[in-house]
Amino acid sequence: MPAYAIFDVVEITDPAAMQRYRAAVPAIVARHGGRYLAIGGPVRALEGSRPAPSFPVIIEFPDLAAAQAWHASEDYRDLLALRQAAAHCEAVLVDGLAAA
């Protein structure tokens, strides 16, 4: 069943470093079976009192194991550190539902 890595890029503190991250990360995501479903764009809050995400990113993986393997992988490690130094992000992994 699919799994989703959901990010909110709350604040970018080093735009040049984030550009390097954005240029390099799609290939690593793809190597782990991931594909981007959303990268930013207009956001509308529908319910609740929490603020809407600033810049949402949603990546679909074949399953939770693949998503966790991507995030913990050696080939992503340096990019993860680059992103964490260049921006404040919130991130979660979510299990999806099996296809009907």
N, C-alpha and C. Protein backbone atom coordinates (compact mmCIF):
# COMPACT_ATOMS: atom_id res chain seq x y z
N MET A 1 0.84 -1.16 0.00
CA MET A 1 0.00 0.00 0.00
C MET A 1 0.89 1.23 0.00
N PRO A 2 0.47 2.29 -0.67
CA PRO A 2 1.34 3.47 -0.78
C PRO A 2 1.54 4.16 0.56
N ALA A 3 2.57 4.98 0.60
CA ALA A 3 2.83 5.83 1.76
C ALA A 3 3.22 7.20 1.23
N TYR A 4 3.04 8.19 2.08
CA TYR A 4 3.25 9.57 1.65
C TYR A 4 4.17 10.31 2.62
N ALA A 5 5.15 10.98 2.06
CA ALA A 5 5.98 11.91 2.82
C ALA A 5 5.37 13.28 2.58
N ILE A 6 4.94 13.92 3.66
CA ILE A 6 4.27 15.21 3.56
C ILE A 6 5.11 16.24 4.30
N PHE A 7 5.52 17.25 3.57
CA PHE A 7 6.37 18.31 4.11
C PHE A 7 5.65 19.64 4.04
N ASP A 8 5.98 20.50 4.98
CA ASP A 8 5.62 21.91 4.89
C ASP A 8 6.92 22.68 5.03
N VAL A 9 7.32 23.36 3.98
CA VAL A 9 8.51 24.20 4.02
C VAL A 9 8.06 25.52 4.64
N VAL A 10 8.33 25.67 5.91
CA VAL A 10 7.82 26.80 6.69
C VAL A 10 8.63 28.07 6.42
N GLU A 11 9.95 27.93 6.38
CA GLU A 11 10.80 29.09 6.19
C GLU A 11 12.11 28.66 5.53
N ILE A 12 12.51 29.38 4.50
CA ILE A 12 13.80 29.14 3.85
C ILE A 12 14.77 30.19 4.35
N THR A 13 15.87 29.74 4.94
CA THR A 13 16.87 30.66 5.49
C THR A 13 18.07 30.82 4.57
N ASP A 14 18.25 29.89 3.62
CA ASP A 14 19.37 29.95 2.67
C ASP A 14 18.85 29.54 1.30
N PRO A 15 18.35 30.51 0.52
CA PRO A 15 17.76 30.20 -0.78
C PRO A 15 18.71 29.49 -1.75
N ALA A 16 19.98 29.85 -1.75
CA ALA A 16 20.93 29.21 -2.66
C ALA A 16 21.10 27.72 -2.32
N ALA A 17 21.18 27.42 -1.05
CA ALA A 17 21.30 26.01 -0.63
C ALA A 17 20.03 25.24 -0.98
N MET A 18 18.86 25.87 -0.81
CA MET A 18 17.61 25.19 -1.17
C MET A 18 17.54 24.94 -2.66
N GLN A 19 18.08 25.82 -3.48
CA GLN A 19 18.13 25.58 -4.92
C GLN A 19 18.96 24.35 -5.23
N ARG A 20 20.08 24.19 -4.56
CA ARG A 20 20.92 23.00 -4.76
C ARG A 20 20.16 21.75 -4.33
N TYR A 21 19.47 21.84 -3.21
CA TYR A 21 18.66 20.71 -2.73
C TYR A 21 17.59 20.34 -3.75
N ARG A 22 16.84 21.33 -4.20
CA ARG A 22 15.74 21.09 -5.15
C ARG A 22 16.23 20.52 -6.47
N ALA A 23 17.44 20.88 -6.87
CA ALA A 23 17.98 20.35 -8.13
C ALA A 23 18.39 18.89 -7.99
N ALA A 24 18.84 18.49 -6.82
CA ALA A 24 19.40 17.15 -6.64
C ALA A 24 18.42 16.11 -6.10
N VAL A 25 17.42 16.53 -5.34
CA VAL A 25 16.58 15.56 -4.63
C VAL A 25 15.65 14.73 -5.52
N PRO A 26 15.09 15.24 -6.63
CA PRO A 26 14.17 14.41 -7.40
C PRO A 26 14.75 13.08 -7.89
N ALA A 27 16.00 13.06 -8.27
CA ALA A 27 16.61 11.82 -8.74
C ALA A 27 16.70 10.79 -7.61
N ILE A 28 16.99 11.24 -6.41
CA ILE A 28 17.09 10.32 -5.27
C ILE A 28 15.70 9.81 -4.88
N VAL A 29 14.72 10.69 -4.90
CA VAL A 29 13.34 10.27 -4.64
C VAL A 29 12.93 9.19 -5.65
N ALA A 30 13.20 9.42 -6.92
CA ALA A 30 12.84 8.46 -7.96
C ALA A 30 13.55 7.13 -7.77
N ARG A 31 14.82 7.15 -7.37
CA ARG A 31 15.56 5.90 -7.14
C ARG A 31 14.92 5.05 -6.06
N HIS A 32 14.19 5.68 -5.17
CA HIS A 32 13.52 4.95 -4.09
C HIS A 32 12.04 4.70 -4.39
N GLY A 33 11.67 4.88 -5.64
CA GLY A 33 10.31 4.59 -6.06
C GLY A 33 9.32 5.69 -5.79
N GLY A 34 9.80 6.87 -5.42
CA GLY A 34 8.90 7.97 -5.09
C GLY A 34 8.55 8.82 -6.29
N ARG A 35 7.42 9.51 -6.15
CA ARG A 35 7.01 10.48 -7.18
C ARG A 35 6.30 11.63 -6.48
N TYR A 36 6.56 12.82 -6.99
CA TYR A 36 5.97 14.02 -6.42
C TYR A 36 4.50 14.15 -6.83
N LEU A 37 3.64 14.43 -5.86
CA LEU A 37 2.23 14.68 -6.13
C LEU A 37 1.89 16.15 -6.02
N ALA A 38 2.63 16.88 -5.18
CA ALA A 38 2.40 18.33 -5.02
C ALA A 38 3.71 18.97 -4.61
N ILE A 39 3.97 20.13 -5.20
CA ILE A 39 5.13 20.94 -4.81
C ILE A 39 4.65 22.38 -4.76
N GLY A 40 4.33 22.84 -3.57
CA GLY A 40 3.87 24.21 -3.40
C GLY A 40 2.52 24.46 -4.04
N GLY A 41 2.32 25.68 -4.46
CA GLY A 41 1.05 26.05 -5.08
C GLY A 41 0.11 26.69 -4.08
N PRO A 42 -1.01 27.19 -4.58
CA PRO A 42 -1.98 27.84 -3.70
C PRO A 42 -2.54 26.85 -2.67
N VAL A 43 -2.73 27.32 -1.46
CA VAL A 43 -3.24 26.50 -0.37
C VAL A 43 -4.43 27.21 0.25
N ARG A 44 -5.49 26.46 0.50
CA ARG A 44 -6.67 27.01 1.17
C ARG A 44 -6.98 26.16 2.39
N ALA A 45 -7.03 26.78 3.55
CA ALA A 45 -7.43 26.06 4.76
C ALA A 45 -8.94 25.83 4.69
N LEU A 46 -9.36 24.61 4.99
CA LEU A 46 -10.78 24.29 4.95
C LEU A 46 -11.41 24.22 6.33
N GLU A 47 -10.65 23.71 7.30
CA GLU A 47 -11.19 23.54 8.64
C GLU A 47 -10.07 23.67 9.66
N GLY A 48 -10.47 23.89 10.90
CA GLY A 48 -9.51 23.88 12.00
C GLY A 48 -8.89 25.22 12.27
N SER A 49 -8.07 25.24 13.31
CA SER A 49 -7.46 26.50 13.75
C SER A 49 -5.97 26.59 13.42
N ARG A 50 -5.37 25.50 12.95
CA ARG A 50 -3.96 25.57 12.57
C ARG A 50 -3.82 26.31 11.26
N PRO A 51 -2.73 27.02 11.09
CA PRO A 51 -2.54 27.72 9.82
C PRO A 51 -2.33 26.73 8.67
N ALA A 52 -2.72 27.12 7.49
CA ALA A 52 -2.49 26.30 6.30
C ALA A 52 -0.99 26.15 6.08
N PRO A 53 -0.57 25.06 5.46
CA PRO A 53 0.87 24.90 5.17
C PRO A 53 1.39 26.08 4.35
N SER A 54 2.63 26.44 4.60
CA SER A 54 3.26 27.54 3.86
C SER A 54 3.60 27.12 2.44
N PHE A 55 4.24 25.96 2.31
CA PHE A 55 4.68 25.45 1.01
C PHE A 55 4.65 23.92 1.11
N PRO A 56 3.50 23.31 0.83
CA PRO A 56 3.39 21.86 1.00
C PRO A 56 4.07 21.09 -0.13
N VAL A 57 4.67 19.97 0.25
CA VAL A 57 5.26 19.04 -0.70
C VAL A 57 4.75 17.65 -0.32
N ILE A 58 4.21 16.92 -1.29
CA ILE A 58 3.71 15.57 -1.04
C ILE A 58 4.41 14.63 -2.01
N ILE A 59 5.03 13.59 -1.44
CA ILE A 59 5.73 12.58 -2.24
C ILE A 59 5.10 11.23 -1.95
N GLU A 60 4.72 10.51 -3.00
CA GLU A 60 4.16 9.17 -2.85
C GLU A 60 5.26 8.13 -3.05
N PHE A 61 5.29 7.13 -2.16
CA PHE A 61 6.21 6.00 -2.26
C PHE A 61 5.39 4.72 -2.36
N PRO A 62 5.99 3.64 -2.88
CA PRO A 62 5.24 2.39 -3.00
C PRO A 62 4.70 1.87 -1.67
N ASP A 63 5.44 2.11 -0.59
CA ASP A 63 5.01 1.66 0.73
C ASP A 63 5.82 2.40 1.79
N LEU A 64 5.44 2.18 3.05
CA LEU A 64 6.10 2.88 4.15
C LEU A 64 7.58 2.52 4.24
N ALA A 65 7.91 1.26 3.97
CA ALA A 65 9.32 0.83 4.02
C ALA A 65 10.16 1.60 3.01
N ALA A 66 9.63 1.81 1.80
CA ALA A 66 10.36 2.56 0.78
C ALA A 66 10.54 4.02 1.19
N ALA A 67 9.51 4.61 1.79
CA ALA A 67 9.61 6.01 2.24
C ALA A 67 10.65 6.14 3.34
N GLN A 68 10.62 5.22 4.29
CA GLN A 68 11.60 5.26 5.38
C GLN A 68 13.01 5.00 4.86
N ALA A 69 13.14 4.08 3.91
CA ALA A 69 14.45 3.78 3.33
C ALA A 69 15.01 5.00 2.61
N TRP A 70 14.16 5.72 1.88
CA TRP A 70 14.60 6.95 1.21
C TRP A 70 15.11 7.96 2.23
N HIS A 71 14.33 8.22 3.26
CA HIS A 71 14.69 9.25 4.23
C HIS A 71 15.96 8.90 4.99
N ALA A 72 16.19 7.61 5.22
CA ALA A 72 17.36 7.16 5.98
C ALA A 72 18.54 6.78 5.09
N SER A 73 18.38 6.89 3.78
CA SER A 73 19.40 6.38 2.85
C SER A 73 20.69 7.20 2.87
N GLU A 74 21.76 6.52 2.55
CA GLU A 74 23.07 7.17 2.46
C GLU A 74 23.08 8.21 1.34
N ASP A 75 22.39 7.92 0.22
CA ASP A 75 22.41 8.87 -0.89
C ASP A 75 21.57 10.12 -0.60
N TYR A 76 20.67 10.08 0.39
CA TYR A 76 19.89 11.26 0.76
C TYR A 76 20.50 12.00 1.96
N ARG A 77 21.36 11.35 2.70
CA ARG A 77 21.89 11.90 3.96
C ARG A 77 22.44 13.32 3.81
N ASP A 78 23.30 13.54 2.83
CA ASP A 78 23.90 14.87 2.67
C ASP A 78 22.86 15.91 2.26
N LEU A 79 21.90 15.50 1.41
CA LEU A 79 20.85 16.44 1.01
C LEU A 79 19.92 16.76 2.17
N LEU A 80 19.65 15.78 2.99
CA LEU A 80 18.83 16.02 4.19
C LEU A 80 19.49 17.07 5.08
N ALA A 81 20.77 16.93 5.30
CA ALA A 81 21.51 17.89 6.12
C ALA A 81 21.50 19.28 5.46
N LEU A 82 21.64 19.31 4.13
CA LEU A 82 21.59 20.58 3.41
C LEU A 82 20.23 21.25 3.59
N ARG A 83 19.15 20.48 3.42
CA ARG A 83 17.81 21.05 3.58
C ARG A 83 17.58 21.53 5.01
N GLN A 84 17.99 20.73 5.97
CA GLN A 84 17.78 21.11 7.36
C GLN A 84 18.57 22.36 7.75
N ALA A 85 19.70 22.58 7.11
CA ALA A 85 20.48 23.79 7.37
C ALA A 85 19.91 25.00 6.62
N ALA A 86 19.21 24.76 5.52
CA ALA A 86 18.74 25.84 4.66
C ALA A 86 17.29 26.24 4.89
N ALA A 87 16.54 25.40 5.63
CA ALA A 87 15.11 25.70 5.79
C ALA A 87 14.56 25.05 7.05
N HIS A 88 13.47 25.61 7.53
CA HIS A 88 12.71 24.99 8.62
C HIS A 88 11.53 24.29 7.96
N CYS A 89 11.43 22.98 8.17
CA CYS A 89 10.36 22.19 7.58
C CYS A 89 9.69 21.34 8.65
N GLU A 90 8.43 21.05 8.43
CA GLU A 90 7.70 20.06 9.21
C GLU A 90 7.52 18.88 8.26
N ALA A 91 7.64 17.65 8.79
CA ALA A 91 7.53 16.49 7.91
C ALA A 91 6.91 15.31 8.65
N VAL A 92 6.08 14.55 7.93
CA VAL A 92 5.49 13.33 8.47
C VAL A 92 5.46 12.28 7.36
N LEU A 93 5.43 11.01 7.78
CA LEU A 93 5.16 9.91 6.87
C LEU A 93 3.78 9.36 7.23
N VAL A 94 3.00 9.08 6.20
CA VAL A 94 1.64 8.60 6.39
C VAL A 94 1.42 7.37 5.54
N ASP A 95 0.89 6.31 6.15
CA ASP A 95 0.49 5.13 5.40
C ASP A 95 -0.74 5.45 4.58
N GLY A 96 -0.76 5.00 3.34
CA GLY A 96 -1.93 5.17 2.50
C GLY A 96 -2.87 3.98 2.65
N LEU A 97 -3.89 3.96 1.82
CA LEU A 97 -4.86 2.88 1.82
C LEU A 97 -4.59 1.93 0.67
N ALA A 98 -4.88 0.66 0.86
CA ALA A 98 -4.74 -0.31 -0.21
C ALA A 98 -5.74 0.02 -1.32
N ALA A 99 -5.35 -0.24 -2.56
CA ALA A 99 -6.24 -0.01 -3.69
C ALA A 99 -7.48 -0.89 -3.55
N ALA A 100 -8.61 -0.32 -3.94
CA ALA A 100 -9.88 -1.06 -3.83
C ALA A 100 -9.95 -2.16 -4.88
